[in-house]
Amino acid sequence: MKTPLLAVAVLACIPLAGVAAEDKAKPTAKTETGQPALSFDALDANKDGRISMPEASADAKLVESFSTADKNGDGYLDRAEYETAVKQPPKQ
């Protein structure tokens, strides 16, 4: 009788994995203006370790500063470039 109960308990936990995965897409950091910023992992849709301009388009503020944030001029933001861009105050 304990085996079916254990199986039910394990199966009941499976939906919780989906909830944990949803949290990645939520804003996790704040910009200098206090606006939420999407996390690097949430913007890196193809998970190649860098953010392209199409991926950055999900964050309007990042699009505005993309060319200046791309310090090495390769057309992508790596994690360090992204972190620097998020911490910069907006242009006036």
Protein backbone atom coordinates (compact mmCIF):
# COMPACT_ATOMS: atom_id res chain seq x y z
CA MET A 1 0.00 0.00 0.00
CA LYS A 2 2.94 2.36 0.57
CA THR A 3 4.24 2.04 -3.00
CA PRO A 4 1.18 3.60 -4.71
CA LEU A 5 1.17 6.41 -2.16
CA LEU A 6 4.84 7.12 -2.86
CA ALA A 7 4.17 7.13 -6.61
CA VAL A 8 1.34 9.63 -6.15
CA ALA A 9 3.60 11.87 -4.05
CA VAL A 10 6.34 11.81 -6.70
CA LEU A 11 3.88 12.54 -9.50
CA ALA A 12 2.42 15.43 -7.51
CA CYS A 13 5.84 17.14 -7.48
CA ILE A 14 6.32 17.10 -11.26
CA PRO A 15 4.28 20.27 -11.96
CA LEU A 16 6.56 22.17 -9.56
CA ALA A 17 9.43 21.78 -12.03
CA GLY A 18 7.49 23.85 -14.55
CA VAL A 19 6.96 26.62 -12.01
CA ALA A 20 10.70 26.77 -11.33
CA ALA A 21 11.43 27.07 -15.06
CA GLU A 22 8.96 29.97 -15.39
CA ASP A 23 10.95 32.06 -12.91
CA LYS A 24 13.83 32.47 -15.38
CA ALA A 25 11.75 34.69 -17.65
CA LYS A 26 10.76 37.07 -14.87
CA PRO A 27 12.71 40.28 -14.35
CA THR A 28 15.43 39.63 -11.79
CA ALA A 29 17.48 42.81 -11.64
CA LYS A 30 16.75 46.49 -11.43
CA THR A 31 18.27 49.12 -13.65
CA GLU A 32 19.62 52.39 -12.26
CA THR A 33 16.16 53.92 -12.75
CA GLY A 34 14.55 51.14 -10.73
CA GLN A 35 12.96 49.54 -13.79
CA PRO A 36 13.04 45.73 -13.89
CA ALA A 37 15.59 44.25 -16.29
CA LEU A 38 15.23 40.82 -17.80
CA SER A 39 18.02 38.47 -16.79
CA PHE A 40 20.81 37.57 -19.19
CA ASP A 41 19.56 33.98 -19.28
CA ALA A 42 16.02 35.08 -20.11
CA LEU A 43 17.23 37.25 -23.02
CA ASP A 44 19.65 34.61 -24.37
CA ALA A 45 16.87 32.70 -26.11
CA ASN A 46 19.12 30.29 -28.02
CA LYS A 47 21.39 29.71 -25.00
CA ASP A 48 24.62 30.40 -26.89
CA GLY A 49 26.07 32.52 -24.09
CA ARG A 50 25.56 35.85 -25.82
CA ILE A 51 22.69 38.20 -26.66
CA SER A 52 22.09 39.21 -30.28
CA MET A 53 20.17 42.33 -31.30
CA PRO A 54 17.01 40.27 -32.08
CA GLU A 55 17.20 38.68 -28.62
CA ALA A 56 17.80 42.10 -27.02
CA SER A 57 14.63 43.43 -28.67
CA ALA A 58 12.67 41.92 -25.77
CA ASP A 59 14.07 44.77 -23.62
CA ALA A 60 13.55 48.23 -25.15
CA LYS A 61 16.11 49.87 -22.85
CA LEU A 62 18.77 47.35 -23.88
CA VAL A 63 18.07 48.01 -27.57
CA GLU A 64 18.75 51.71 -27.01
CA SER A 65 22.17 51.04 -25.51
CA PHE A 66 23.11 47.92 -27.47
CA SER A 67 25.75 49.48 -29.74
CA THR A 68 27.54 51.23 -26.87
CA ALA A 69 27.23 48.19 -24.59
CA ASP A 70 28.87 45.97 -27.26
CA LYS A 71 32.40 46.98 -26.24
CA ASN A 72 34.22 44.57 -28.55
CA GLY A 73 32.00 45.38 -31.54
CA ASP A 74 31.16 41.78 -32.41
CA GLY A 75 27.42 42.42 -32.64
CA TYR A 76 26.62 40.46 -29.49
CA LEU A 77 26.56 41.16 -25.77
CA ASP A 78 28.36 38.70 -23.56
CA ARG A 79 27.41 38.41 -19.89
CA ALA A 80 29.93 41.06 -18.74
CA GLU A 81 28.81 43.55 -21.41
CA TYR A 82 25.18 42.94 -20.47
CA GLU A 83 25.82 43.43 -16.75
CA THR A 84 27.60 46.71 -17.46
CA ALA A 85 24.76 47.90 -19.72
CA VAL A 86 22.09 47.12 -17.12
CA LYS A 87 23.93 49.10 -14.46
CA GLN A 88 24.37 52.21 -16.67
CA PRO A 89 22.02 55.14 -16.08
CA PRO A 90 19.77 55.92 -19.07
CA LYS A 91 20.89 58.47 -21.66
CA GLN A 92 19.17 61.84 -21.38
